[in-house]
Amino acid sequence: MTYLLLGVLSALVATNQPAAVTNTNLAAQTSVPAVTVPDPNDPVEKEYKQLMIDDDAALAEVDTWIRDNNAFAEKGGGAPANVLNDRIKARYAPVRKAYEDFLQRHPDHVRAHLAFGSFLNDIKEEEAAKEQWEKARQLDPKNPAAWNDLANYYGHNGPMTNAFAYYAKASELNPQEPLYYRNLAGVVSLFRKEAMAYYKLDVPQVFRKAVSLYQQAFKLDPGNFELASDLAQTYYGLRPFPTDEVLGAWTNALKIAGTDIERQGVYLHLVRIDTYASRFADAHRCLDMATNEFYADLRKHLTQNLADWESKGTNAAPAK
């Protein structure tokens, strides 16, 4: 089996809901700052909370507009892109101004800088978001959320050395937060050449480091299916291929799968692994469990692949 074919399989066997498939190997998750509980009666705190409410409301409303417009467009309707964009900008404008006014009056409010940065990032203004997160980091160098959010920026824009260092700093400051280990694992496995140079490791060692980081995250968040899936898929990069380890990882993912799509996605990963391990009876059993039409094309491909390997009576490890 070629590397390309396995890459296609990894893309197709998405174990998230089909309407929301994401690549969590790419760092993109901002964090909620860990802080002491403020006085809810503090006027500044009340104003800050209202900012959060307005922020969430604006983003949710725009998401609805986009979904509705896409649905109308599929039927030949929908607003032109420039009209919708102008409407979206107008909806975001008062929220942005509210953040700016608040921070002008409370320039040392770390959580507001973090939140404003997240808002700006959500509306695709990454450079402006970085400025807010950097300000938060300077105000409170021991706040792990600021380091994580900046690492997200560097993970998308470089340099990757900053992403590695900043995620590590976030996990050092809060070693009980699984998100930081997960984000670092994602960039280590995705940007392998940079990780090799930064950590002075070879390719197998880089994958093993990513596995170790995902394992740390999973220990802290053992009910997280997407995290379990990330961990299991990272094993594909190891050589020699650790059949028992990856089967164990996918078995763990199967135990916590919350939807039929997630479960059947896991079964299809197990089909591939059992096929290459010459466990053909197990492969057939897992294949029979994946009946959802979402996976019809992939199931057809795996059925043929299984038949081919059975006829050869041989096996080979899946490739990354």
C-alpha atoms as a PDB file:
ATOM      1  CA  MET A   1       0.000   0.000   0.000  1.00  0.00           C
ATOM      2  CA  THR A   2       1.440   3.378  -0.949  1.00  0.00           C
ATOM      3  CA  TYR A   3       1.915   6.329   1.375  1.00  0.00           C
ATOM      4  CA  LEU A   4      -0.517   8.315  -0.738  1.00  0.00           C
ATOM      5  CA  LEU A   5      -3.253   5.733  -0.377  1.00  0.00           C
ATOM      6  CA  LEU A   6      -2.983   5.667   3.373  1.00  0.00           C
ATOM      7  CA  GLY A   7      -3.066   9.449   3.408  1.00  0.00           C
ATOM      8  CA  VAL A   8      -6.342   9.301   1.512  1.00  0.00           C
ATOM      9  CA  LEU A   9      -7.658   6.770   3.999  1.00  0.00           C
ATOM     10  CA  SER A  10      -6.737   8.954   6.938  1.00  0.00           C
ATOM     11  CA  ALA A  11      -8.644  11.835   5.365  1.00  0.00           C
ATOM     12  CA  LEU A  12     -11.675   9.711   4.560  1.00  0.00           C
ATOM     13  CA  VAL A  13     -11.911   7.815   7.819  1.00  0.00           C
ATOM     14  CA  ALA A  14     -12.710  10.974   9.740  1.00  0.00           C
ATOM     15  CA  THR A  15     -13.894   9.957  13.168  1.00  0.00           C
ATOM     16  CA  ASN A  16     -15.625  13.265  13.832  1.00  0.00           C
ATOM     17  CA  GLN A  17     -19.109  14.078  12.606  1.00  0.00           C
ATOM     18  CA  PRO A  18     -19.070  14.386   8.794  1.00  0.00           C
ATOM     19  CA  ALA A  19     -20.439  17.916   8.931  1.00  0.00           C
ATOM     20  CA  ALA A  20     -17.598  19.103  11.125  1.00  0.00           C
ATOM     21  CA  VAL A  21     -14.457  17.270  10.146  1.00  0.00           C
ATOM     22  CA  THR A  22     -11.373  19.018  11.491  1.00  0.00           C
ATOM     23  CA  ASN A  23      -7.683  18.338  11.615  1.00  0.00           C
ATOM     24  CA  THR A  24      -6.800  18.683  15.256  1.00  0.00           C
ATOM     25  CA  ASN A  25      -3.198  17.946  14.491  1.00  0.00           C
ATOM     26  CA  LEU A  26      -2.917  21.564  13.462  1.00  0.00           C
ATOM     27  CA  ALA A  27      -2.797  23.785  16.507  1.00  0.00           C
ATOM     28  CA  ALA A  28      -5.910  25.912  16.550  1.00  0.00           C
ATOM     29  CA  GLN A  29      -7.425  25.737  19.972  1.00  0.00           C
ATOM     30  CA  THR A  30      -7.292  28.793  22.133  1.00  0.00           C
ATOM     31  CA  SER A  31      -7.631  28.327  25.838  1.00  0.00           C
ATOM     32  CA  VAL A  32      -9.658  29.718  28.684  1.00  0.00           C
ATOM     33  CA  PRO A  33      -7.348  31.508  31.095  1.00  0.00           C
ATOM     34  CA  ALA A  34      -6.917  29.915  34.500  1.00  0.00           C
ATOM     35  CA  VAL A  35      -7.493  32.665  37.042  1.00  0.00           C
ATOM     36  CA  THR A  36      -8.751  33.201  40.543  1.00  0.00           C
ATOM     37  CA  VAL A  37     -12.495  33.700  40.802  1.00  0.00           C
ATOM     38  CA  PRO A  38     -13.215  37.444  40.679  1.00  0.00           C
ATOM     39  CA  ASP A  39     -15.878  39.248  42.676  1.00  0.00           C
ATOM     40  CA  PRO A  40     -19.086  38.949  40.603  1.00  0.00           C
ATOM     41  CA  ASN A  41     -20.340  42.214  42.063  1.00  0.00           C
ATOM     42  CA  ASP A  42     -17.329  44.157  40.859  1.00  0.00           C
ATOM     43  CA  PRO A  43     -18.563  46.658  38.214  1.00  0.00           C
ATOM     44  CA  VAL A  44     -15.513  45.957  36.054  1.00  0.00           C
ATOM     45  CA  GLU A  45     -16.209  42.239  36.228  1.00  0.00           C
ATOM     46  CA  LYS A  46     -19.839  42.771  35.271  1.00  0.00           C
ATOM     47  CA  GLU A  47     -18.788  44.816  32.276  1.00  0.00           C
ATOM     48  CA  TYR A  48     -16.263  42.177  31.268  1.00  0.00           C
ATOM     49  CA  LYS A  49     -18.898  39.436  31.464  1.00  0.00           C
ATOM     50  CA  GLN A  50     -21.197  41.489  29.277  1.00  0.00           C
ATOM     51  CA  LEU A  51     -18.388  41.710  26.730  1.00  0.00           C
ATOM     52  CA  MET A  52     -18.220  37.919  26.693  1.00  0.00           C
ATOM     53  CA  ILE A  53     -21.959  37.659  26.189  1.00  0.00           C
ATOM     54  CA  ASP A  54     -21.942  40.151  23.323  1.00  0.00           C
ATOM     55  CA  ASP A  55     -18.921  38.445  21.756  1.00  0.00           C
ATOM     56  CA  ASP A  56     -20.573  35.010  21.818  1.00  0.00           C
ATOM     57  CA  ALA A  57     -23.848  36.385  20.510  1.00  0.00           C
ATOM     58  CA  ALA A  58     -22.210  38.110  17.538  1.00  0.00           C
ATOM     59  CA  LEU A  59     -20.178  35.066  16.535  1.00  0.00           C
ATOM     60  CA  ALA A  60     -23.187  32.767  16.870  1.00  0.00           C
ATOM     61  CA  GLU A  61     -25.399  35.059  14.820  1.00  0.00           C
ATOM     62  CA  VAL A  62     -22.834  35.363  12.039  1.00  0.00           C
ATOM     63  CA  ASP A  63     -22.414  31.585  11.957  1.00  0.00           C
ATOM     64  CA  THR A  64     -26.175  31.283  11.458  1.00  0.00           C
ATOM     65  CA  TRP A  65     -26.116  33.843   8.651  1.00  0.00           C
ATOM     66  CA  ILE A  66     -23.341  31.967   6.860  1.00  0.00           C
ATOM     67  CA  ARG A  67     -25.040  28.585   7.184  1.00  0.00           C
ATOM     68  CA  ASP A  68     -28.370  29.973   6.026  1.00  0.00           C
ATOM     69  CA  ASN A  69     -26.798  31.799   3.105  1.00  0.00           C
ATOM     70  CA  ASN A  70     -24.934  28.669   2.026  1.00  0.00           C
ATOM     71  CA  ALA A  71     -28.183  26.723   2.143  1.00  0.00           C
ATOM     72  CA  PHE A  72     -29.934  29.348   0.039  1.00  0.00           C
ATOM     73  CA  ALA A  73     -27.021  29.424  -2.400  1.00  0.00           C
ATOM     74  CA  GLU A  74     -27.352  25.681  -2.991  1.00  0.00           C
ATOM     75  CA  LYS A  75     -30.915  26.358  -4.136  1.00  0.00           C
ATOM     76  CA  GLY A  76     -29.879  29.186  -6.427  1.00  0.00           C
ATOM     77  CA  GLY A  77     -30.458  32.027  -3.986  1.00  0.00           C
ATOM     78  CA  GLY A  78     -28.450  33.632  -1.212  1.00  0.00           C
ATOM     79  CA  ALA A  79     -26.897  37.054  -0.833  1.00  0.00           C
ATOM     80  CA  PRO A  80     -23.810  38.012  -2.884  1.00  0.00           C
ATOM     81  CA  ALA A  81     -20.538  37.546  -1.019  1.00  0.00           C
ATOM     82  CA  ASN A  82     -19.823  41.279  -0.782  1.00  0.00           C
ATOM     83  CA  VAL A  83     -23.266  41.987   0.674  1.00  0.00           C
ATOM     84  CA  LEU A  84     -22.921  39.251   3.270  1.00  0.00           C
ATOM     85  CA  ASN A  85     -19.402  40.376   4.170  1.00  0.00           C
ATOM     86  CA  ASP A  86     -20.566  43.957   4.725  1.00  0.00           C
ATOM     87  CA  ARG A  87     -23.356  42.689   6.952  1.00  0.00           C
ATOM     88  CA  ILE A  88     -20.898  40.587   8.950  1.00  0.00           C
ATOM     89  CA  LYS A  89     -18.480  43.497   9.398  1.00  0.00           C
ATOM     90  CA  ALA A  90     -21.322  45.688  10.628  1.00  0.00           C
ATOM     91  CA  ARG A  91     -22.323  43.012  13.162  1.00  0.00           C
ATOM     92  CA  TYR A  92     -18.789  42.663  14.507  1.00  0.00           C
ATOM     93  CA  ALA A  93     -18.037  46.403  14.665  1.00  0.00           C
ATOM     94  CA  PRO A  94     -19.808  47.247  17.955  1.00  0.00           C
ATOM     95  CA  VAL A  95     -18.264  44.231  19.688  1.00  0.00           C
ATOM     96  CA  ARG A  96     -14.805  45.275  18.602  1.00  0.00           C
ATOM     97  CA  LYS A  97     -15.406  48.846  19.740  1.00  0.00           C
ATOM     98  CA  ALA A  98     -16.689  47.620  23.106  1.00  0.00           C
ATOM     99  CA  TYR A  99     -13.466  45.666  23.641  1.00  0.00           C
ATOM    100  CA  GLU A 100     -11.359  48.660  22.630  1.00  0.00           C
ATOM    101  CA  ASP A 101     -13.268  51.010  24.933  1.00  0.00           C
ATOM    102  CA  PHE A 102     -13.015  48.584  27.830  1.00  0.00           C
ATOM    103  CA  LEU A 103      -9.265  48.089  27.388  1.00  0.00           C
ATOM    104  CA  GLN A 104      -8.668  51.808  27.040  1.00  0.00           C
ATOM    105  CA  ARG A 105     -10.174  52.216  30.496  1.00  0.00           C
ATOM    106  CA  HIS A 106      -8.698  48.978  31.907  1.00  0.00           C
ATOM    107  CA  PRO A 107      -5.421  48.439  30.027  1.00  0.00           C
ATOM    108  CA  ASP A 108      -4.095  45.902  32.551  1.00  0.00           C
ATOM    109  CA  HIS A 109      -7.087  43.542  32.333  1.00  0.00           C
ATOM    110  CA  VAL A 110      -5.337  40.338  31.212  1.00  0.00           C
ATOM    111  CA  ARG A 111      -8.469  38.293  30.588  1.00  0.00           C
ATOM    112  CA  ALA A 112      -9.933  41.007  28.394  1.00  0.00           C
ATOM    113  CA  HIS A 113      -6.779  41.080  26.262  1.00  0.00           C
ATOM    114  CA  LEU A 114      -6.972  37.289  25.913  1.00  0.00           C
ATOM    115  CA  ALA A 115     -10.654  37.387  25.039  1.00  0.00           C
ATOM    116  CA  PHE A 116     -10.240  40.254  22.575  1.00  0.00           C
ATOM    117  CA  GLY A 117      -7.427  38.316  20.931  1.00  0.00           C
ATOM    118  CA  SER A 118      -9.667  35.288  20.554  1.00  0.00           C
ATOM    119  CA  PHE A 119     -12.411  37.441  19.061  1.00  0.00           C
ATOM    120  CA  LEU A 120      -9.989  38.971  16.565  1.00  0.00           C
ATOM    121  CA  ASN A 121      -8.657  35.535  15.695  1.00  0.00           C
ATOM    122  CA  ASP A 122     -12.201  34.291  15.107  1.00  0.00           C
ATOM    123  CA  ILE A 123     -12.809  37.102  12.620  1.00  0.00           C
ATOM    124  CA  LYS A 124      -9.545  36.288  10.803  1.00  0.00           C
ATOM    125  CA  GLU A 125      -7.453  39.200  12.075  1.00  0.00           C
ATOM    126  CA  GLU A 126      -4.547  37.108  13.272  1.00  0.00           C
ATOM    127  CA  GLU A 127      -1.930  39.855  13.540  1.00  0.00           C
ATOM    128  CA  ALA A 128      -4.220  41.979  15.689  1.00  0.00           C
ATOM    129  CA  ALA A 129      -5.014  38.911  17.802  1.00  0.00           C
ATOM    130  CA  LYS A 130      -1.310  38.277  18.314  1.00  0.00           C
ATOM    131  CA  GLU A 131      -0.864  41.823  19.637  1.00  0.00           C
ATOM    132  CA  GLN A 132      -3.544  41.284  22.264  1.00  0.00           C
ATOM    133  CA  TRP A 133      -2.156  37.925  23.357  1.00  0.00           C
ATOM    134  CA  GLU A 134       1.359  39.356  23.536  1.00  0.00           C
ATOM    135  CA  LYS A 135       0.089  42.185  25.709  1.00  0.00           C
ATOM    136  CA  ALA A 136      -1.558  39.633  28.017  1.00  0.00           C
ATOM    137  CA  ARG A 137       1.692  37.655  28.215  1.00  0.00           C
ATOM    138  CA  GLN A 138       3.669  40.758  29.101  1.00  0.00           C
ATOM    139  CA  LEU A 139       1.155  41.727  31.790  1.00  0.00           C
ATOM    140  CA  ASP A 140       1.078  38.231  33.274  1.00  0.00           C
ATOM    141  CA  PRO A 141       4.004  36.033  32.183  1.00  0.00           C
ATOM    142  CA  LYS A 142       2.713  33.190  34.374  1.00  0.00           C
ATOM    143  CA  ASN A 143      -0.632  32.950  32.587  1.00  0.00           C
ATOM    144  CA  PRO A 144      -0.499  29.725  30.523  1.00  0.00           C
ATOM    145  CA  ALA A 145      -3.403  30.740  28.291  1.00  0.00           C
ATOM    146  CA  ALA A 146      -1.403  33.633  26.859  1.00  0.00           C
ATOM    147  CA  TRP A 147       1.489  31.318  25.978  1.00  0.00           C
ATOM    148  CA  ASN A 148      -0.869  28.770  24.418  1.00  0.00           C
ATOM    149  CA  ASP A 149      -2.703  31.339  22.319  1.00  0.00           C
ATOM    150  CA  LEU A 150       0.548  32.819  21.049  1.00  0.00           C
ATOM    151  CA  ALA A 151       1.773  29.306  20.263  1.00  0.00           C
ATOM    152  CA  ASN A 152      -1.375  28.830  18.180  1.00  0.00           C
ATOM    153  CA  TYR A 153      -0.429  31.937  16.203  1.00  0.00           C
ATOM    154  CA  TYR A 154       3.119  30.724  15.606  1.00  0.00           C
ATOM    155  CA  GLY A 155       1.827  27.269  14.727  1.00  0.00           C
ATOM    156  CA  HIS A 156      -0.050  28.832  11.823  1.00  0.00           C
ATOM    157  CA  ASN A 157       2.388  31.567  10.868  1.00  0.00           C
ATOM    158  CA  GLY A 158       5.816  30.543  12.129  1.00  0.00           C
ATOM    159  CA  PRO A 159       8.434  30.421  13.296  1.00  0.00           C
ATOM    160  CA  MET A 160       7.702  26.906  14.494  1.00  0.00           C
ATOM    161  CA  THR A 161      10.438  27.142  17.123  1.00  0.00           C
ATOM    162  CA  ASN A 162       8.209  29.630  18.956  1.00  0.00           C
ATOM    163  CA  ALA A 163       5.233  27.291  18.737  1.00  0.00           C
ATOM    164  CA  PHE A 164       7.233  24.421  20.278  1.00  0.00           C
ATOM    165  CA  ALA A 165       8.641  26.640  23.031  1.00  0.00           C
ATOM    166  CA  TYR A 166       5.405  28.425  23.856  1.00  0.00           C
ATOM    167  CA  TYR A 167       3.260  25.287  24.078  1.00  0.00           C
ATOM    168  CA  ALA A 168       5.894  23.752  26.329  1.00  0.00           C
ATOM    169  CA  LYS A 169       5.842  26.868  28.523  1.00  0.00           C
ATOM    170  CA  ALA A 170       2.050  26.706  28.772  1.00  0.00           C
ATOM    171  CA  SER A 171       2.163  23.089  29.923  1.00  0.00           C
ATOM    172  CA  GLU A 172       4.959  23.927  32.363  1.00  0.00           C
ATOM    173  CA  LEU A 173       2.801  26.650  33.907  1.00  0.00           C
ATOM    174  CA  ASN A 174      -0.270  24.424  34.062  1.00  0.00           C
ATOM    175  CA  PRO A 175       0.723  20.746  33.819  1.00  0.00           C
ATOM    176  CA  GLN A 176      -2.851  19.631  34.504  1.00  0.00           C
ATOM    177  CA  GLU A 177      -4.265  21.154  31.299  1.00  0.00           C
ATOM    178  CA  PRO A 178      -4.517  18.500  28.542  1.00  0.00           C
ATOM    179  CA  LEU A 179      -5.039  21.068  25.787  1.00  0.00           C
ATOM    180  CA  TYR A 180      -1.454  22.282  25.960  1.00  0.00           C
ATOM    181  CA  TYR A 181       0.048  18.797  25.564  1.00  0.00           C
ATOM    182  CA  ARG A 182      -2.382  18.058  22.762  1.00  0.00           C
ATOM    183  CA  ASN A 183      -1.537  21.227  20.871  1.00  0.00           C
ATOM    184  CA  LEU A 184       2.189  20.592  21.207  1.00  0.00           C
ATOM    185  CA  ALA A 185       1.740  16.989  20.053  1.00  0.00           C
ATOM    186  CA  GLY A 186      -0.138  18.253  17.019  1.00  0.00           C
ATOM    187  CA  VAL A 187       2.582  20.600  15.800  1.00  0.00           C
ATOM    188  CA  VAL A 188       5.337  18.097  16.574  1.00  0.00           C
ATOM    189  CA  SER A 189       3.686  15.434  14.417  1.00  0.00           C
ATOM    190  CA  LEU A 190       2.624  17.827  11.670  1.00  0.00           C
ATOM    191  CA  PHE A 191       5.859  19.827  11.352  1.00  0.00           C
ATOM    192  CA  ARG A 192       8.243  16.928  11.567  1.00  0.00           C
ATOM    193  CA  LYS A 193      11.281  18.505   9.897  1.00  0.00           C
ATOM    194  CA  GLU A 194      11.135  21.508  12.188  1.00  0.00           C
ATOM    195  CA  ALA A 195      10.629  19.241  15.206  1.00  0.00           C
ATOM    196  CA  MET A 196      13.596  17.103  14.211  1.00  0.00           C
ATOM    197  CA  ALA A 197      15.835  20.158  14.081  1.00  0.00           C
ATOM    198  CA  TYR A 198      14.463  21.760  17.247  1.00  0.00           C
ATOM    199  CA  TYR A 199      14.536  18.649  19.440  1.00  0.00           C
ATOM    200  CA  LYS A 200      17.506  17.007  17.653  1.00  0.00           C
ATOM    201  CA  LEU A 201      15.515  13.834  16.964  1.00  0.00           C
ATOM    202  CA  ASP A 202      15.107  11.526  13.974  1.00  0.00           C
ATOM    203  CA  VAL A 203      11.726  10.803  12.370  1.00  0.00           C
ATOM    204  CA  PRO A 204      10.783   7.788  14.539  1.00  0.00           C
ATOM    205  CA  GLN A 205      11.750   9.704  17.664  1.00  0.00           C
ATOM    206  CA  VAL A 206       9.615  12.673  16.617  1.00  0.00           C
ATOM    207  CA  PHE A 207       6.572  10.426  16.212  1.00  0.00           C
ATOM    208  CA  ARG A 208       7.299   8.776  19.533  1.00  0.00           C
ATOM    209  CA  LYS A 209       7.526  12.201  21.172  1.00  0.00           C
ATOM    210  CA  ALA A 210       4.156  13.150  19.680  1.00  0.00           C
ATOM    211  CA  VAL A 211       2.653   9.886  20.936  1.00  0.00           C
ATOM    212  CA  SER A 212       4.025  10.568  24.408  1.00  0.00           C
ATOM    213  CA  LEU A 213       2.517  14.059  24.449  1.00  0.00           C
ATOM    214  CA  TYR A 214      -0.861  12.781  23.289  1.00  0.00           C
ATOM    215  CA  GLN A 215      -0.704  10.111  25.986  1.00  0.00           C
ATOM    216  CA  GLN A 216      -0.089  12.788  28.618  1.00  0.00           C
ATOM    217  CA  ALA A 217      -3.091  14.721  27.342  1.00  0.00           C
ATOM    218  CA  PHE A 218      -5.279  11.626  27.221  1.00  0.00           C
ATOM    219  CA  LYS A 219      -4.436  10.697  30.811  1.00  0.00           C
ATOM    220  CA  LEU A 220      -5.780  14.090  31.836  1.00  0.00           C
ATOM    221  CA  ASP A 221      -8.829  13.885  29.573  1.00  0.00           C
ATOM    222  CA  PRO A 222      -9.656  10.175  29.155  1.00  0.00           C
ATOM    223  CA  GLY A 223     -13.192  10.773  27.897  1.00  0.00           C
ATOM    224  CA  ASN A 224     -12.173  12.899  24.906  1.00  0.00           C
ATOM    225  CA  PHE A 225     -12.826  10.916  21.726  1.00  0.00           C
ATOM    226  CA  GLU A 226     -11.092  13.318  19.346  1.00  0.00           C
ATOM    227  CA  LEU A 227      -7.998  13.223  21.529  1.00  0.00           C
ATOM    228  CA  ALA A 228      -8.084   9.419  21.589  1.00  0.00           C
ATOM    229  CA  SER A 229      -8.367   9.444  17.802  1.00  0.00           C
ATOM    230  CA  ASP A 230      -5.419  11.840  17.444  1.00  0.00           C
ATOM    231  CA  LEU A 231      -3.314   9.554  19.614  1.00  0.00           C
ATOM    232  CA  ALA A 232      -4.252   6.419  17.698  1.00  0.00           C
ATOM    233  CA  GLN A 233      -3.545   7.970  14.294  1.00  0.00           C
ATOM    234  CA  THR A 234      -0.132   9.216  15.377  1.00  0.00           C
ATOM    235  CA  TYR A 235       1.010   5.618  15.833  1.00  0.00           C
ATOM    236  CA  TYR A 236       0.871   5.253  12.044  1.00  0.00           C
ATOM    237  CA  GLY A 237       4.152   7.122  11.796  1.00  0.00           C
ATOM    238  CA  LEU A 238       6.108   4.675  13.964  1.00  0.00           C
ATOM    239  CA  ARG A 239       8.485   2.043  12.561  1.00  0.00           C
ATOM    240  CA  PRO A 240       8.477  -0.826  13.152  1.00  0.00           C
ATOM    241  CA  PHE A 241       4.707  -0.552  13.121  1.00  0.00           C
ATOM    242  CA  PRO A 242       3.436  -1.167  16.703  1.00  0.00           C
ATOM    243  CA  THR A 243       0.394  -3.292  15.868  1.00  0.00           C
ATOM    244  CA  ASP A 244      -0.616  -4.087  19.436  1.00  0.00           C
ATOM    245  CA  GLU A 245      -0.169  -0.495  20.617  1.00  0.00           C
ATOM    246  CA  VAL A 246      -2.244   1.008  17.836  1.00  0.00           C
ATOM    247  CA  LEU A 247      -4.959  -1.635  18.226  1.00  0.00           C
ATOM    248  CA  GLY A 248      -5.073  -0.793  21.915  1.00  0.00           C
ATOM    249  CA  ALA A 249      -5.315   2.908  21.153  1.00  0.00           C
ATOM    250  CA  TRP A 250      -8.207   2.432  18.716  1.00  0.00           C
ATOM    251  CA  THR A 251      -9.916   0.080  21.183  1.00  0.00           C
ATOM    252  CA  ASN A 252      -9.750   2.848  23.783  1.00  0.00           C
ATOM    253  CA  ALA A 253     -11.210   5.275  21.259  1.00  0.00           C
ATOM    254  CA  LEU A 254     -14.006   2.839  20.464  1.00  0.00           C
ATOM    255  CA  LYS A 255     -14.974   2.612  24.132  1.00  0.00           C
ATOM    256  CA  ILE A 256     -15.606   6.349  24.366  1.00  0.00           C
ATOM    257  CA  ALA A 257     -17.033   6.969  20.894  1.00  0.00           C
ATOM    258  CA  GLY A 258     -20.236   8.933  21.331  1.00  0.00           C
ATOM    259  CA  THR A 259     -21.891   8.590  17.928  1.00  0.00           C
ATOM    260  CA  ASP A 260     -22.457   5.917  15.339  1.00  0.00           C
ATOM    261  CA  ILE A 261     -20.268   7.780  12.856  1.00  0.00           C
ATOM    262  CA  GLU A 262     -17.409   7.871  15.363  1.00  0.00           C
ATOM    263  CA  ARG A 263     -17.744   4.160  16.162  1.00  0.00           C
ATOM    264  CA  GLN A 264     -17.854   3.125  12.525  1.00  0.00           C
ATOM    265  CA  GLY A 265     -14.883   5.310  11.704  1.00  0.00           C
ATOM    266  CA  VAL A 266     -12.914   3.439  14.361  1.00  0.00           C
ATOM    267  CA  TYR A 267     -14.040   0.089  12.941  1.00  0.00           C
ATOM    268  CA  LEU A 268     -12.633   1.068   9.560  1.00  0.00           C
ATOM    269  CA  HIS A 269      -9.289   1.947  11.103  1.00  0.00           C
ATOM    270  CA  LEU A 270      -9.339  -1.476  12.763  1.00  0.00           C
ATOM    271  CA  VAL A 271     -10.082  -3.102   9.406  1.00  0.00           C
ATOM    272  CA  ARG A 272      -6.935  -1.586   7.966  1.00  0.00           C
ATOM    273  CA  ILE A 273      -4.755  -2.593  10.902  1.00  0.00           C
ATOM    274  CA  ASP A 274      -6.145  -6.135  11.165  1.00  0.00           C
ATOM    275  CA  THR A 275      -5.661  -6.590   7.429  1.00  0.00           C
ATOM    276  CA  TYR A 276      -1.983  -5.714   7.615  1.00  0.00           C
ATOM    277  CA  ALA A 277      -1.565  -7.904  10.671  1.00  0.00           C
ATOM    278  CA  SER A 278      -3.125 -10.851   8.754  1.00  0.00           C
ATOM    279  CA  ARG A 279      -5.953 -10.968  11.287  1.00  0.00           C
ATOM    280  CA  PHE A 280      -8.400 -11.424   8.468  1.00  0.00           C
ATOM    281  CA  ALA A 281     -11.305 -12.755  10.526  1.00  0.00           C
ATOM    282  CA  ASP A 282     -11.115  -9.718  12.809  1.00  0.00           C
ATOM    283  CA  ALA A 283     -10.894  -7.452   9.775  1.00  0.00           C
ATOM    284  CA  HIS A 284     -14.088  -8.960   8.316  1.00  0.00           C
ATOM    285  CA  ARG A 285     -15.873  -8.612  11.639  1.00  0.00           C
ATOM    286  CA  CYS A 286     -14.986  -4.914  11.893  1.00  0.00           C
ATOM    287  CA  LEU A 287     -15.885  -4.351   8.249  1.00  0.00           C
ATOM    288  CA  ASP A 288     -19.336  -5.794   8.885  1.00  0.00           C
ATOM    289  CA  MET A 289     -19.823  -3.264  11.690  1.00  0.00           C
ATOM    290  CA  ALA A 290     -19.338  -0.273   9.366  1.00  0.00           C
ATOM    291  CA  THR A 291     -22.588   0.055   7.439  1.00  0.00           C
ATOM    292  CA  ASN A 292     -23.227   3.817   7.412  1.00  0.00           C
ATOM    293  CA  GLU A 293     -23.608   5.272   3.924  1.00  0.00           C
ATOM    294  CA  PHE A 294     -21.160   8.024   4.840  1.00  0.00           C
ATOM    295  CA  TYR A 295     -18.415   5.410   4.580  1.00  0.00           C
ATOM    296  CA  ALA A 296     -19.754   3.519   1.558  1.00  0.00           C
ATOM    297  CA  ASP A 297     -16.899   4.345  -0.826  1.00  0.00           C
ATOM    298  CA  LEU A 298     -14.225   3.731   1.750  1.00  0.00           C
ATOM    299  CA  ARG A 299     -15.843   0.473   2.826  1.00  0.00           C
ATOM    300  CA  LYS A 300     -15.802  -0.689  -0.809  1.00  0.00           C
ATOM    301  CA  HIS A 301     -12.111   0.133  -1.073  1.00  0.00           C
ATOM    302  CA  LEU A 302     -11.241  -1.665   2.162  1.00  0.00           C
ATOM    303  CA  THR A 303     -13.261  -4.710   1.135  1.00  0.00           C
ATOM    304  CA  GLN A 304     -11.202  -5.014  -2.041  1.00  0.00           C
ATOM    305  CA  ASN A 305      -7.991  -4.373  -0.176  1.00  0.00           C
ATOM    306  CA  LEU A 306      -8.824  -7.084   2.347  1.00  0.00           C
ATOM    307  CA  ALA A 307      -9.567  -9.551  -0.436  1.00  0.00           C
ATOM    308  CA  ASP A 308      -6.246  -8.738  -2.109  1.00  0.00           C
ATOM    309  CA  TRP A 309      -4.254  -9.320   1.052  1.00  0.00           C
ATOM    310  CA  GLU A 310      -6.113 -12.544   1.823  1.00  0.00           C
ATOM    311  CA  SER A 311      -5.291 -13.867  -1.636  1.00  0.00           C
ATOM    312  CA  LYS A 312      -1.614 -13.023  -1.111  1.00  0.00           C
ATOM    313  CA  GLY A 313      -1.570 -14.354   2.418  1.00  0.00           C
ATOM    314  CA  THR A 314       0.820 -11.606   3.418  1.00  0.00           C
ATOM    315  CA  ASN A 315       0.807  -8.388   5.364  1.00  0.00           C
ATOM    316  CA  ALA A 316       2.559  -5.031   5.559  1.00  0.00           C
ATOM    317  CA  ALA A 317       2.436  -2.185   8.035  1.00  0.00           C
ATOM    318  CA  PRO A 318       0.280   0.862   7.288  1.00  0.00           C
ATOM    319  CA  ALA A 319       2.334   3.874   6.254  1.00  0.00           C
ATOM    320  CA  LYS A 320       1.990   7.415   7.533  1.00  0.00           C
END
